[in-house]
PDB file of N, CA and C in Angstrom:
ATOM      1  N   MET A   1     148.238  65.815 125.155  1.00  0.00           N
ATOM      2  CA  MET A   1     148.923  64.688 125.762  1.00  0.00           C
ATOM      3  C   MET A   1     147.964  63.502 125.759  1.00  0.00           C
ATOM      4  N   ASN A   2     148.483  62.334 125.373  1.00  0.00           N
ATOM      5  CA  ASN A   2     147.608  61.162 125.325  1.00  0.00           C
ATOM      6  C   ASN A   2     147.395  60.563 126.715  1.00  0.00           C
ATOM      7  N   ASN A   3     146.480  59.645 126.801  1.00  0.00           N
ATOM      8  CA  ASN A   3     146.095  59.041 128.071  1.00  0.00           C
ATOM      9  C   ASN A   3     147.265  58.344 128.758  1.00  0.00           C
ATOM     10  N   ARG A   4     148.079  57.592 127.993  1.00  0.00           N
ATOM     11  CA  ARG A   4     149.224  56.902 128.579  1.00  0.00           C
ATOM     12  C   ARG A   4     150.199  57.896 129.197  1.00  0.00           C
ATOM     13  N   SER A   5     150.494  58.969 128.470  1.00  0.00           N
ATOM     14  CA  SER A   5     151.425  59.991 128.969  1.00  0.00           C
ATOM     15  C   SER A   5     150.911  60.625 130.255  1.00  0.00           C
ATOM     16  N   GLU A   6     149.631  60.929 130.290  1.00  0.00           N
ATOM     17  CA  GLU A   6     149.037  61.514 131.491  1.00  0.00           C
ATOM     18  C   GLU A   6     149.131  60.561 132.667  1.00  0.00           C
ATOM     19  N   GLN A   7     148.819  59.295 132.417  1.00  0.00           N
ATOM     20  CA  GLN A   7     148.881  58.300 133.492  1.00  0.00           C
ATOM     21  C   GLN A   7     150.309  58.146 134.012  1.00  0.00           C
ATOM     22  N   LEU A   8     151.276  58.107 133.104  1.00  0.00           N
ATOM     23  CA  LEU A   8     152.671  57.971 133.522  1.00  0.00           C
ATOM     24  C   LEU A   8     153.114  59.166 134.362  1.00  0.00           C
ATOM     25  N   LYS A   9     152.770  60.338 133.916  1.00  0.00           N
ATOM     26  CA  LYS A   9     153.176  61.540 134.662  1.00  0.00           C
ATOM     27  C   LYS A   9     152.490  61.609 136.022  1.00  0.00           C
ATOM     28  N   ASN A  10     151.264  61.099 136.109  1.00  0.00           N
ATOM     29  CA  ASN A  10     150.556  61.096 137.388  1.00  0.00           C
ATOM     30  C   ASN A  10     151.147  60.099 138.385  1.00  0.00           C
ATOM     31  N   LEU A  11     151.826  59.083 137.895  1.00  0.00           N
ATOM     32  CA  LEU A  11     152.476  58.104 138.772  1.00  0.00           C
ATOM     33  C   LEU A  11     153.691  58.688 139.491  1.00  0.00           C
ATOM     34  N   ARG A  12     154.346  59.609 138.844  1.00  0.00           N
ATOM     35  CA  ARG A  12     155.622  60.126 139.334  1.00  0.00           C
ATOM     36  C   ARG A  12     155.464  61.068 140.522  1.00  0.00           C
ATOM     37  N   PRO A  13     156.373  60.949 141.475  1.00  0.00           N
ATOM     38  CA  PRO A  13     156.362  61.918 142.576  1.00  0.00           C
ATOM     39  C   PRO A  13     156.738  63.305 142.036  1.00  0.00           C
ATOM     40  N   GLU A  14     156.175  64.322 142.650  1.00  0.00           N
ATOM     41  CA  GLU A  14     156.492  65.686 142.225  1.00  0.00           C
ATOM     42  C   GLU A  14     157.799  66.130 142.857  1.00  0.00           C
ATOM     43  N   ILE A  15     158.645  66.727 142.039  1.00  0.00           N
ATOM     44  CA  ILE A  15     159.906  67.289 142.510  1.00  0.00           C
ATOM     45  C   ILE A  15     159.918  68.736 142.027  1.00  0.00           C
ATOM     46  N   HIS A  16     159.962  69.657 142.957  1.00  0.00           N
ATOM     47  CA  HIS A  16     159.899  71.075 142.604  1.00  0.00           C
ATOM     48  C   HIS A  16     161.302  71.667 142.553  1.00  0.00           C
ATOM     49  N   VAL A  17     161.700  72.071 141.358  1.00  0.00           N
ATOM     50  CA  VAL A  17     163.003  72.675 141.137  1.00  0.00           C
ATOM     51  C   VAL A  17     162.830  73.794 140.123  1.00  0.00           C
ATOM     52  N   ASP A  18     163.554  74.876 140.310  1.00  0.00           N
ATOM     53  CA  ASP A  18     163.529  75.975 139.346  1.00  0.00           C
ATOM     54  C   ASP A  18     164.435  75.612 138.180  1.00  0.00           C
ATOM     55  N   ASN A  19     163.837  75.383 137.017  1.00  0.00           N
ATOM     56  CA  ASN A  19     164.591  75.006 135.823  1.00  0.00           C
ATOM     57  C   ASN A  19     164.828  76.174 134.874  1.00  0.00           C
ATOM     58  N   SER A  20     164.583  77.378 135.335  1.00  0.00           N
ATOM     59  CA  SER A  20     164.641  78.528 134.425  1.00  0.00           C
ATOM     60  C   SER A  20     166.028  78.747 133.822  1.00  0.00           C
ATOM     61  N   LYS A  21     167.068  78.364 134.509  1.00  0.00           N
ATOM     62  CA  LYS A  21     168.426  78.565 133.991  1.00  0.00           C
ATOM     63  C   LYS A  21     169.091  77.245 133.603  1.00  0.00           C
ATOM     64  N   SER A  22     168.302  76.214 133.476  1.00  0.00           N
ATOM     65  CA  SER A  22     168.831  74.885 133.169  1.00  0.00           C
ATOM     66  C   SER A  22     168.864  74.632 131.674  1.00  0.00           C
ATOM     67  N   THR A  23     169.782  73.763 131.268  1.00  0.00           N
ATOM     68  CA  THR A  23     169.817  73.311 129.881  1.00  0.00           C
ATOM     69  C   THR A  23     168.675  72.332 129.662  1.00  0.00           C
ATOM     70  N   ASP A  24     168.426  71.996 128.398  1.00  0.00           N
ATOM     71  CA  ASP A  24     167.381  71.007 128.104  1.00  0.00           C
ATOM     72  C   ASP A  24     167.669  69.683 128.788  1.00  0.00           C
ATOM     73  N   LEU A  25     168.932  69.283 128.789  1.00  0.00           N
ATOM     74  CA  LEU A  25     169.309  68.013 129.407  1.00  0.00           C
ATOM     75  C   LEU A  25     169.098  68.056 130.922  1.00  0.00           C
ATOM     76  N   GLU A  26     169.460  69.157 131.549  1.00  0.00           N
ATOM     77  CA  GLU A  26     169.246  69.294 132.991  1.00  0.00           C
ATOM     78  C   GLU A  26     167.758  69.296 133.330  1.00  0.00           C
ATOM     79  N   THR A  27     166.968  69.949 132.502  1.00  0.00           N
ATOM     80  CA  THR A  27     165.522  69.971 132.709  1.00  0.00           C
ATOM     81  C   THR A  27     164.943  68.569 132.558  1.00  0.00           C
ATOM     82  N   PHE A  28     165.407  67.825 131.552  1.00  0.00           N
ATOM     83  CA  PHE A  28     164.958  66.448 131.355  1.00  0.00           C
ATOM     84  C   PHE A  28     165.335  65.592 132.564  1.00  0.00           C
ATOM     85  N   GLN A  29     166.538  65.795 133.052  1.00  0.00           N
ATOM     86  CA  GLN A  29     167.007  65.049 134.221  1.00  0.00           C
ATOM     87  C   GLN A  29     166.110  65.337 135.426  1.00  0.00           C
ATOM     88  N   THR A  30     165.801  66.599 135.649  1.00  0.00           N
ATOM     89  CA  THR A  30     165.003  66.989 136.806  1.00  0.00           C
ATOM     90  C   THR A  30     163.542  66.599 136.675  1.00  0.00           C
ATOM     91  N   ASN A  31     162.972  66.830 135.505  1.00  0.00           N
ATOM     92  CA  ASN A  31     161.536  66.616 135.326  1.00  0.00           C
ATOM     93  C   ASN A  31     161.162  65.188 134.972  1.00  0.00           C
ATOM     94  N   THR A  32     162.104  64.423 134.436  1.00  0.00           N
ATOM     95  CA  THR A  32     161.790  63.062 133.997  1.00  0.00           C
ATOM     96  C   THR A  32     162.572  62.017 134.783  1.00  0.00           C
ATOM     97  N   LEU A  33     163.898  62.090 134.724  1.00  0.00           N
ATOM     98  CA  LEU A  33     164.712  61.026 135.336  1.00  0.00           C
ATOM     99  C   LEU A  33     164.567  60.961 136.855  1.00  0.00           C
ATOM    100  N   ARG A  34     164.691  62.088 137.529  1.00  0.00           N
ATOM    101  CA  ARG A  34     164.604  62.078 138.993  1.00  0.00           C
ATOM    102  C   ARG A  34     163.284  61.506 139.502  1.00  0.00           C
ATOM    103  N   PRO A  35     162.140  61.971 138.982  1.00  0.00           N
ATOM    104  CA  PRO A  35     160.884  61.398 139.467  1.00  0.00           C
ATOM    105  C   PRO A  35     160.728  59.904 139.154  1.00  0.00           C
ATOM    106  N   ILE A  36     161.183  59.488 137.976  1.00  0.00           N
ATOM    107  CA  ILE A  36     161.074  58.066 137.626  1.00  0.00           C
ATOM    108  C   ILE A  36     161.957  57.231 138.540  1.00  0.00           C
ATOM    109  N   LEU A  37     163.195  57.661 138.763  1.00  0.00           N
ATOM    110  CA  LEU A  37     164.090  56.895 139.635  1.00  0.00           C
ATOM    111  C   LEU A  37     163.568  56.869 141.073  1.00  0.00           C
ATOM    112  N   LYS A  38     162.965  57.954 141.505  1.00  0.00           N
ATOM    113  CA  LYS A  38     162.366  57.971 142.843  1.00  0.00           C
ATOM    114  C   LYS A  38     161.200  56.991 142.903  1.00  0.00           C
ATOM    115  N   PHE A  39     160.372  56.997 141.870  1.00  0.00           N
ATOM    116  CA  PHE A  39     159.234  56.081 141.792  1.00  0.00           C
ATOM    117  C   PHE A  39     159.705  54.628 141.760  1.00  0.00           C
ATOM    118  N   GLN A  40     160.790  54.352 141.072  1.00  0.00           N
ATOM    119  CA  GLN A  40     161.298  52.991 140.898  1.00  0.00           C
ATOM    120  C   GLN A  40     162.279  52.577 142.000  1.00  0.00           C
ATOM    121  N   ASN A  41     162.454  53.391 143.014  1.00  0.00           N
ATOM    122  CA  ASN A  41     163.472  53.159 144.033  1.00  0.00           C
ATOM    123  C   ASN A  41     163.417  51.756 144.649  1.00  0.00           C
ATOM    124  N   ASP A  42     162.255  51.330 145.082  1.00  0.00           N
ATOM    125  CA  ASP A  42     162.152  50.005 145.731  1.00  0.00           C
ATOM    126  C   ASP A  42     162.527  48.889 144.762  1.00  0.00           C
ATOM    127  N   LEU A  43     162.106  49.026 143.521  1.00  0.00           N
ATOM    128  CA  LEU A  43     162.455  48.025 142.501  1.00  0.00           C
ATOM    129  C   LEU A  43     163.967  48.010 142.254  1.00  0.00           C
ATOM    130  N   ILE A  44     164.572  49.176 142.188  1.00  0.00           N
ATOM    131  CA  ILE A  44     166.021  49.272 141.980  1.00  0.00           C
ATOM    132  C   ILE A  44     166.766  48.566 143.105  1.00  0.00           C
ATOM    133  N   LEU A  45     166.372  48.839 144.339  1.00  0.00           N
ATOM    134  CA  LEU A  45     167.027  48.196 145.486  1.00  0.00           C
ATOM    135  C   LEU A  45     166.813  46.688 145.470  1.00  0.00           C
ATOM    136  N   THR A  46     165.624  46.250 145.096  1.00  0.00           N
ATOM    137  CA  THR A  46     165.350  44.820 144.997  1.00  0.00           C
ATOM    138  C   THR A  46     166.247  44.174 143.951  1.00  0.00           C
ATOM    139  N   LEU A  47     166.379  44.811 142.793  1.00  0.00           N
ATOM    140  CA  LEU A  47     167.227  44.263 141.728  1.00  0.00           C
ATOM    141  C   LEU A  47     168.691  44.213 142.137  1.00  0.00           C
ATOM    142  N   ILE A  48     169.159  45.226 142.818  1.00  0.00           N
ATOM    143  CA  ILE A  48     170.555  45.221 143.315  1.00  0.00           C
ATOM    144  C   ILE A  48     170.732  44.080 144.312  1.00  0.00           C
ATOM    145  N   ASN A  49     169.800  43.951 145.260  1.00  0.00           N
ATOM    146  CA  ASN A  49     169.900  42.878 146.258  1.00  0.00           C
ATOM    147  C   ASN A  49     169.831  41.500 145.610  1.00  0.00           C
ATOM    148  N   GLN A  50     168.974  41.337 144.601  1.00  0.00           N
ATOM    149  CA  GLN A  50     168.902  40.050 143.898  1.00  0.00           C
ATOM    150  C   GLN A  50     170.205  39.752 143.169  1.00  0.00           C
ATOM    151  N   HIS A  51     170.789  40.762 142.551  1.00  0.00           N
ATOM    152  CA  HIS A  51     172.052  40.572 141.849  1.00  0.00           C
ATOM    153  C   HIS A  51     173.157  40.177 142.834  1.00  0.00           C
ATOM    154  N   LEU A  52     173.197  40.837 143.975  1.00  0.00           N
ATOM    155  CA  LEU A  52     174.200  40.508 144.991  1.00  0.00           C
ATOM    156  C   LEU A  52     174.025  39.062 145.462  1.00  0.00           C
ATOM    157  N   ALA A  53     172.783  38.665 145.710  1.00  0.00           N
ATOM    158  CA  ALA A  53     172.505  37.312 146.191  1.00  0.00           C
ATOM    159  C   ALA A  53     172.818  36.257 145.133  1.00  0.00           C
ATOM    160  N   GLU A  54     172.375  36.494 143.894  1.00  0.00           N
ATOM    161  CA  GLU A  54     172.603  35.529 142.817  1.00  0.00           C
ATOM    162  C   GLU A  54     174.092  35.304 142.545  1.00  0.00           C
ATOM    163  N   ASN A  55     174.860  36.348 142.708  1.00  0.00           N
ATOM    164  CA  ASN A  55     176.295  36.260 142.432  1.00  0.00           C
ATOM    165  C   ASN A  55     177.129  36.084 143.693  1.00  0.00           C
ATOM    166  N   LYS A  56     176.431  35.871 144.808  1.00  0.00           N
ATOM    167  CA  LYS A  56     177.074  35.642 146.105  1.00  0.00           C
ATOM    168  C   LYS A  56     178.109  36.720 146.439  1.00  0.00           C
ATOM    169  N   ILE A  57     177.699  37.959 146.224  1.00  0.00           N
ATOM    170  CA  ILE A  57     178.547  39.106 146.518  1.00  0.00           C
ATOM    171  C   ILE A  57     178.140  39.631 147.890  1.00  0.00           C
ATOM    172  N   ILE A  58     179.058  39.566 148.820  1.00  0.00           N
ATOM    173  CA  ILE A  58     178.769  39.991 150.188  1.00  0.00           C
ATOM    174  C   ILE A  58     179.295  41.403 150.385  1.00  0.00           C
ATOM    175  N   VAL A  59     178.386  42.315 150.728  1.00  0.00           N
ATOM    176  CA  VAL A  59     178.787  43.700 150.949  1.00  0.00           C
ATOM    177  C   VAL A  59     178.465  44.174 152.368  1.00  0.00           C
ATOM    178  N   LYS A  60     177.659  43.408 153.098  1.00  0.00           N
ATOM    179  CA  LYS A  60     177.205  43.894 154.400  1.00  0.00           C
ATOM    180  C   LYS A  60     178.347  44.089 155.402  1.00  0.00           C
ATOM    181  N   ASN A  61     179.450  43.378 155.245  1.00  0.00           N
ATOM    182  CA  ASN A  61     180.563  43.505 156.181  1.00  0.00           C
ATOM    183  C   ASN A  61     181.565  44.582 155.769  1.00  0.00           C
ATOM    184  N   LEU A  62     181.335  45.232 154.641  1.00  0.00           N
ATOM    185  CA  LEU A  62     182.249  46.256 154.149  1.00  0.00           C
ATOM    186  C   LEU A  62     181.905  47.622 154.747  1.00  0.00           C
ATOM    187  N   THR A  63     182.894  48.507 154.746  1.00  0.00           N
ATOM    188  CA  THR A  63     182.629  49.887 155.161  1.00  0.00           C
ATOM    189  C   THR A  63     181.752  50.540 154.099  1.00  0.00           C
ATOM    190  N   ASP A  64     181.146  51.650 154.435  1.00  0.00           N
ATOM    191  CA  ASP A  64     180.279  52.340 153.478  1.00  0.00           C
ATOM    192  C   ASP A  64     181.047  52.755 152.225  1.00  0.00           C
ATOM    193  N   ASN A  65     182.289  53.208 152.394  1.00  0.00           N
ATOM    194  CA  ASN A  65     183.087  53.588 151.221  1.00  0.00           C
ATOM    195  C   ASN A  65     183.347  52.392 150.312  1.00  0.00           C
ATOM    196  N   LYS A  66     183.654  51.261 150.902  1.00  0.00           N
ATOM    197  CA  LYS A  66     183.904  50.049 150.111  1.00  0.00           C
ATOM    198  C   LYS A  66     182.621  49.543 149.460  1.00  0.00           C
ATOM    199  N   LYS A  67     181.500  49.651 150.182  1.00  0.00           N
ATOM    200  CA  LYS A  67     180.218  49.261 149.594  1.00  0.00           C
ATOM    201  C   LYS A  67     179.927  50.121 148.371  1.00  0.00           C
ATOM    202  N   THR A  68     180.138  51.424 148.512  1.00  0.00           N
ATOM    203  CA  THR A  68     179.896  52.351 147.407  1.00  0.00           C
ATOM    204  C   THR A  68     180.768  51.996 146.214  1.00  0.00           C
ATOM    205  N   GLU A  69     182.044  51.774 146.453  1.00  0.00           N
ATOM    206  CA  GLU A  69     182.966  51.384 145.373  1.00  0.00           C
ATOM    207  C   GLU A  69     182.501  50.096 144.711  1.00  0.00           C
ATOM    208  N   ARG A  70     182.115  49.133 145.512  1.00  0.00           N
ATOM    209  CA  ARG A  70     181.701  47.823 144.995  1.00  0.00           C
ATOM    210  C   ARG A  70     180.431  47.931 144.150  1.00  0.00           C
ATOM    211  N   ILE A  71     179.468  48.701 144.613  1.00  0.00           N
ATOM    212  CA  ILE A  71     178.225  48.878 143.865  1.00  0.00           C
ATOM    213  C   ILE A  71     178.518  49.565 142.529  1.00  0.00           C
ATOM    214  N   HIS A  72     179.378  50.573 142.546  1.00  0.00           N
ATOM    215  CA  HIS A  72     179.765  51.251 141.296  1.00  0.00           C
ATOM    216  C   HIS A  72     180.421  50.259 140.329  1.00  0.00           C
ATOM    217  N   GLU A  73     181.332  49.453 140.840  1.00  0.00           N
ATOM    218  CA  GLU A  73     182.006  48.451 139.996  1.00  0.00           C
ATOM    219  C   GLU A  73     181.001  47.465 139.401  1.00  0.00           C
ATOM    220  N   ILE A  74     180.091  47.006 140.230  1.00  0.00           N
ATOM    221  CA  ILE A  74     179.109  46.003 139.797  1.00  0.00           C
ATOM    222  C   ILE A  74     178.224  46.555 138.688  1.00  0.00           C
ATOM    223  N   VAL A  75     177.654  47.717 138.911  1.00  0.00           N
ATOM    224  CA  VAL A  75     176.710  48.275 137.938  1.00  0.00           C
ATOM    225  C   VAL A  75     177.432  48.729 136.668  1.00  0.00           C
ATOM    226  N   LYS A  76     178.516  49.463 136.828  1.00  0.00           N
ATOM    227  CA  LYS A  76     179.221  49.978 135.647  1.00  0.00           C
ATOM    228  C   LYS A  76     179.889  48.874 134.840  1.00  0.00           C
ATOM    229  N   GLY A  77     180.241  47.781 135.491  1.00  0.00           N
ATOM    230  CA  GLY A  77     180.931  46.695 134.812  1.00  0.00           C
ATOM    231  C   GLY A  77     180.027  45.615 134.247  1.00  0.00           C
ATOM    232  N   ASN A  78     178.736  45.752 134.471  1.00  0.00           N
ATOM    233  CA  ASN A  78     177.803  44.723 134.045  1.00  0.00           C
ATOM    234  C   ASN A  78     176.814  45.319 133.039  1.00  0.00           C
ATOM    235  N   LEU A  79     177.066  45.096 131.769  1.00  0.00           N
ATOM    236  CA  LEU A  79     176.237  45.669 130.715  1.00  0.00           C
ATOM    237  C   LEU A  79     174.775  45.245 130.856  1.00  0.00           C
ATOM    238  N   GLN A  80     174.549  43.984 131.191  1.00  0.00           N
ATOM    239  CA  GLN A  80     173.177  43.483 131.328  1.00  0.00           C
ATOM    240  C   GLN A  80     172.429  44.223 132.444  1.00  0.00           C
ATOM    241  N   LEU A  81     173.093  44.452 133.545  1.00  0.00           N
ATOM    242  CA  LEU A  81     172.478  45.163 134.666  1.00  0.00           C
ATOM    243  C   LEU A  81     172.214  46.625 134.293  1.00  0.00           C
ATOM    244  N   LYS A  82     173.167  47.261 133.606  1.00  0.00           N
ATOM    245  CA  LYS A  82     172.967  48.640 133.149  1.00  0.00           C
ATOM    246  C   LYS A  82     171.779  48.736 132.197  1.00  0.00           C
ATOM    247  N   GLN A  83     171.682  47.774 131.307  1.00  0.00           N
ATOM    248  CA  GLN A  83     170.565  47.773 130.364  1.00  0.00           C
ATOM    249  C   GLN A  83     169.238  47.548 131.078  1.00  0.00           C
ATOM    250  N   LEU A  84     169.236  46.710 132.095  1.00  0.00           N
ATOM    251  CA  LEU A  84     168.027  46.472 132.879  1.00  0.00           C
ATOM    252  C   LEU A  84     167.584  47.765 133.562  1.00  0.00           C
ATOM    253  N   PHE A  85     168.512  48.463 134.198  1.00  0.00           N
ATOM    254  CA  PHE A  85     168.175  49.712 134.871  1.00  0.00           C
ATOM    255  C   PHE A  85     167.725  50.783 133.881  1.00  0.00           C
ATOM    256  N   THR A  86     168.362  50.824 132.731  1.00  0.00           N
ATOM    257  CA  THR A  86     167.935  51.760 131.695  1.00  0.00           C
ATOM    258  C   THR A  86     166.525  51.403 131.235  1.00  0.00           C
ATOM    259  N   GLY A  87     166.253  50.125 131.071  1.00  0.00           N
ATOM    260  CA  GLY A  87     164.943  49.668 130.617  1.00  0.00           C
ATOM    261  C   GLY A  87     163.825  49.994 131.584  1.00  0.00           C
ATOM    262  N   ILE A  88     164.065  49.816 132.884  1.00  0.00           N
ATOM    263  CA  ILE A  88     163.000  50.117 133.840  1.00  0.00           C
ATOM    264  C   ILE A  88     162.779  51.619 133.972  1.00  0.00           C
ATOM    265  N   THR A  89     163.724  52.392 133.476  1.00  0.00           N
ATOM    266  CA  THR A  89     163.576  53.849 133.467  1.00  0.00           C
ATOM    267  C   THR A  89     162.850  54.298 132.202  1.00  0.00           C
ATOM    268  N   ILE A  90     163.352  53.889 131.048  1.00  0.00           N
ATOM    269  CA  ILE A  90     162.746  54.375 129.803  1.00  0.00           C
ATOM    270  C   ILE A  90     161.366  53.765 129.568  1.00  0.00           C
ATOM    271  N   GLY A  91     161.073  52.663 130.212  1.00  0.00           N
ATOM    272  CA  GLY A  91     159.740  52.074 130.110  1.00  0.00           C
ATOM    273  C   GLY A  91     158.659  52.976 130.665  1.00  0.00           C
ATOM    274  N   LEU A  92     159.051  53.958 131.455  1.00  0.00           N
ATOM    275  CA  LEU A  92     158.098  54.903 132.037  1.00  0.00           C
ATOM    276  C   LEU A  92     158.160  56.270 131.368  1.00  0.00           C
ATOM    277  N   PHE A  93     158.823  56.351 130.218  1.00  0.00           N
ATOM    278  CA  PHE A  93     158.858  57.598 129.449  1.00  0.00           C
ATOM    279  C   PHE A  93     157.566  57.769 128.672  1.00  0.00           C
ATOM    280  N   THR A  94     157.174  59.014 128.509  1.00  0.00           N
ATOM    281  CA  THR A  94     156.089  59.336 127.594  1.00  0.00           C
ATOM    282  C   THR A  94     156.651  59.276 126.173  1.00  0.00           C
ATOM    283  N   GLU A  95     155.798  59.368 125.176  1.00  0.00           N
ATOM    284  CA  GLU A  95     156.272  59.361 123.789  1.00  0.00           C
ATOM    285  C   GLU A  95     157.203  60.539 123.531  1.00  0.00           C
ATOM    286  N   GLU A  96     156.859  61.689 124.054  1.00  0.00           N
ATOM    287  CA  GLU A  96     157.695  62.882 123.889  1.00  0.00           C
ATOM    288  C   GLU A  96     159.063  62.679 124.538  1.00  0.00           C
ATOM    289  N   GLU A  97     159.079  62.108 125.733  1.00  0.00           N
ATOM    290  CA  GLU A  97     160.343  61.849 126.431  1.00  0.00           C
ATOM    291  C   GLU A  97     161.166  60.800 125.689  1.00  0.00           C
ATOM    292  N   MET A  98     160.482  59.831 125.093  1.00  0.00           N
ATOM    293  CA  MET A  98     161.184  58.804 124.329  1.00  0.00           C
ATOM    294  C   MET A  98     161.859  59.423 123.109  1.00  0.00           C
ATOM    295  N   THR A  99     161.214  60.373 122.480  1.00  0.00           N
ATOM    296  CA  THR A  99     161.817  61.075 121.347  1.00  0.00           C
ATOM    297  C   THR A  99     163.082  61.804 121.805  1.00  0.00           C
ATOM    298  N   TYR A 100     162.989  62.486 122.937  1.00  0.00           N
ATOM    299  CA  TYR A 100     164.156  63.186 123.477  1.00  0.00           C
ATOM    300  C   TYR A 100     165.267  62.187 123.803  1.00  0.00           C
ATOM    301  N   TYR A 101     164.881  61.070 124.382  1.00  0.00           N
ATOM    302  CA  TYR A 101     165.855  60.018 124.717  1.00  0.00           C
ATOM    303  C   TYR A 101     166.611  59.554 123.468  1.00  0.00           C
ATOM    304  N   HIS A 102     165.900  59.292 122.395  1.00  0.00           N
ATOM    305  CA  HIS A 102     166.556  58.819 121.173  1.00  0.00           C
ATOM    306  C   HIS A 102     167.495  59.862 120.587  1.00  0.00           C
ATOM    307  N   GLU A 103     167.188  61.129 120.782  1.00  0.00           N
ATOM    308  CA  GLU A 103     168.045  62.203 120.284  1.00  0.00           C
ATOM    309  C   GLU A 103     169.271  62.411 121.168  1.00  0.00           C
ATOM    310  N   ASN A 104     169.215  61.974 122.419  1.00  0.00           N
ATOM    311  CA  ASN A 104     170.285  62.222 123.399  1.00  0.00           C
ATOM    312  C   ASN A 104     170.613  60.961 124.194  1.00  0.00           C
ATOM    313  N   LYS A 105     170.543  59.828 123.538  1.00  0.00           N
ATOM    314  CA  LYS A 105     170.622  58.528 124.198  1.00  0.00           C
ATOM    315  C   LYS A 105     171.848  58.373 125.103  1.00  0.00           C
ATOM    316  N   ARG A 106     173.010  58.634 124.571  1.00  0.00           N
ATOM    317  CA  ARG A 106     174.247  58.412 125.334  1.00  0.00           C
ATOM    318  C   ARG A 106     174.245  59.214 126.642  1.00  0.00           C
ATOM    319  N   GLU A 107     173.916  60.484 126.562  1.00  0.00           N
ATOM    320  CA  GLU A 107     173.937  61.344 127.746  1.00  0.00           C
ATOM    321  C   GLU A 107     172.826  60.981 128.729  1.00  0.00           C
ATOM    322  N   VAL A 108     171.653  60.620 128.232  1.00  0.00           N
ATOM    323  CA  VAL A 108     170.548  60.248 129.117  1.00  0.00           C
ATOM    324  C   VAL A 108     170.884  58.960 129.869  1.00  0.00           C
ATOM    325  N   VAL A 109     171.443  57.985 129.177  1.00  0.00           N
ATOM    326  CA  VAL A 109     171.816  56.730 129.842  1.00  0.00           C
ATOM    327  C   VAL A 109     172.896  56.997 130.892  1.00  0.00           C
ATOM    328  N   LYS A 110     173.875  57.807 130.538  1.00  0.00           N
ATOM    329  CA  LYS A 110     174.958  58.139 131.475  1.00  0.00           C
ATOM    330  C   LYS A 110     174.389  58.794 132.741  1.00  0.00           C
ATOM    331  N   ARG A 111     173.511  59.757 132.548  1.00  0.00           N
ATOM    332  CA  ARG A 111     172.914  60.440 133.696  1.00  0.00           C
ATOM    333  C   ARG A 111     172.003  59.517 134.491  1.00  0.00           C
ATOM    334  N   THR A 112     171.284  58.652 133.815  1.00  0.00           N
ATOM    335  CA  THR A 112     170.400  57.701 134.502  1.00  0.00           C
ATOM    336  C   THR A 112     171.212  56.803 135.432  1.00  0.00           C
ATOM    337  N   ILE A 113     172.282  56.218 134.916  1.00  0.00           N
ATOM    338  CA  ILE A 113     173.101  55.309 135.730  1.00  0.00           C
ATOM    339  C   ILE A 113     173.779  56.062 136.873  1.00  0.00           C
ATOM    340  N   THR A 114     174.271  57.258 136.599  1.00  0.00           N
ATOM    341  CA  THR A 114     174.912  58.059 137.651  1.00  0.00           C
ATOM    342  C   THR A 114     173.926  58.382 138.767  1.00  0.00           C
ATOM    343  N   MET A 115     172.743  58.816 138.398  1.00  0.00           N
ATOM    344  CA  MET A 115     171.732  59.146 139.403  1.00  0.00           C
ATOM    345  C   MET A 115     171.268  57.904 140.158  1.00  0.00           C
ATOM    346  N   LEU A 116     171.116  56.796 139.447  1.00  0.00           N
ATOM    347  CA  LEU A 116     170.706  55.545 140.066  1.00  0.00           C
ATOM    348  C   LEU A 116     171.745  55.102 141.098  1.00  0.00           C
ATOM    349  N   LEU A 117     173.010  55.191 140.732  1.00  0.00           N
ATOM    350  CA  LEU A 117     174.076  54.818 141.667  1.00  0.00           C
ATOM    351  C   LEU A 117     174.073  55.715 142.899  1.00  0.00           C
ATOM    352  N   GLU A 118     173.843  57.003 142.698  1.00  0.00           N
ATOM    353  CA  GLU A 118     173.760  57.929 143.839  1.00  0.00           C
ATOM    354  C   GLU A 118     172.618  57.517 144.765  1.00  0.00           C
ATOM    355  N   ARG A 119     171.474  57.171 144.187  1.00  0.00           N
ATOM    356  CA  ARG A 119     170.320  56.757 145.002  1.00  0.00           C
ATOM    357  C   ARG A 119     170.668  55.508 145.818  1.00  0.00           C
ATOM    358  N   VAL A 120     171.241  54.514 145.165  1.00  0.00           N
ATOM    359  CA  VAL A 120     171.568  53.261 145.851  1.00  0.00           C
ATOM    360  C   VAL A 120     172.603  53.513 146.947  1.00  0.00           C
ATOM    361  N   CYS A 121     173.611  54.298 146.634  1.00  0.00           N
ATOM    362  CA  CYS A 121     174.703  54.519 147.592  1.00  0.00           C
ATOM    363  C   CYS A 121     174.294  55.392 148.778  1.00  0.00           C
ATOM    364  N   THR A 122     173.175  56.082 148.680  1.00  0.00           N
ATOM    365  CA  THR A 122     172.672  56.811 149.847  1.00  0.00           C
ATOM    366  C   THR A 122     171.736  55.945 150.680  1.00  0.00           C
ATOM    367  N   GLN A 123     171.539  54.708 150.247  1.00  0.00           N
ATOM    368  CA  GLN A 123     170.656  53.781 150.959  1.00  0.00           C
ATOM    369  C   GLN A 123     171.369  52.449 151.214  1.00  0.00           C
ATOM    370  N   LEU A 124     172.639  52.526 151.544  1.00  0.00           N
ATOM    371  CA  LEU A 124     173.438  51.314 151.719  1.00  0.00           C
ATOM    372  C   LEU A 124     172.878  50.392 152.793  1.00  0.00           C
ATOM    373  N   ASP A 125     172.175  50.955 153.750  1.00  0.00           N
ATOM    374  CA  ASP A 125     171.604  50.140 154.836  1.00  0.00           C
ATOM    375  C   ASP A 125     170.507  49.194 154.317  1.00  0.00           C
ATOM    376  N   LYS A 126     170.043  49.420 153.091  1.00  0.00           N
ATOM    377  CA  LYS A 126     168.993  48.568 152.518  1.00  0.00           C
ATOM    378  C   LYS A 126     169.560  47.450 151.659  1.00  0.00           C
ATOM    379  N   LEU A 127     170.884  47.341 151.620  1.00  0.00           N
ATOM    380  CA  LEU A 127     171.529  46.225 150.909  1.00  0.00           C
ATOM    381  C   LEU A 127     171.656  45.078 151.894  1.00  0.00           C
ATOM    382  N   HIS A 128     171.186  43.901 151.499  1.00  0.00           N
ATOM    383  CA  HIS A 128     171.080  42.802 152.445  1.00  0.00           C
ATOM    384  C   HIS A 128     172.160  41.741 152.330  1.00  0.00           C
ATOM    385  N   PHE A 129     172.788  41.602 151.212  1.00  0.00           N
ATOM    386  CA  PHE A 129     173.673  40.459 151.018  1.00  0.00           C
ATOM    387  C   PHE A 129     175.121  40.824 151.246  1.00  0.00           C
TER     388      PHE A 129
END
């Protein structure tokens, strides 16, 4: 493993899960995506809050269910925002993970956005606008 890969992996929080019965994609999700999204959590929330503020989208007065629906609509409906979130995730991939990403791009992006939305929607109290 090269120096960059080692440094990237050392940045990530450890998540202990038994992957013995998991598919390659599930293992990638657990060992790569989850730790990266956890590491990038504050940045993700900042970007969501900036997007809400820039577009004058008010969610603080909505119920949690409506906030969740609105966040899903915003992220899934905005290609630029989806690409930004994908970029801040894949930017922390090792070369080996990047190879896997290119071989499974569609599914990795889908899982990344789904997991990212789950993270944001479990932290609705951190949305300010």
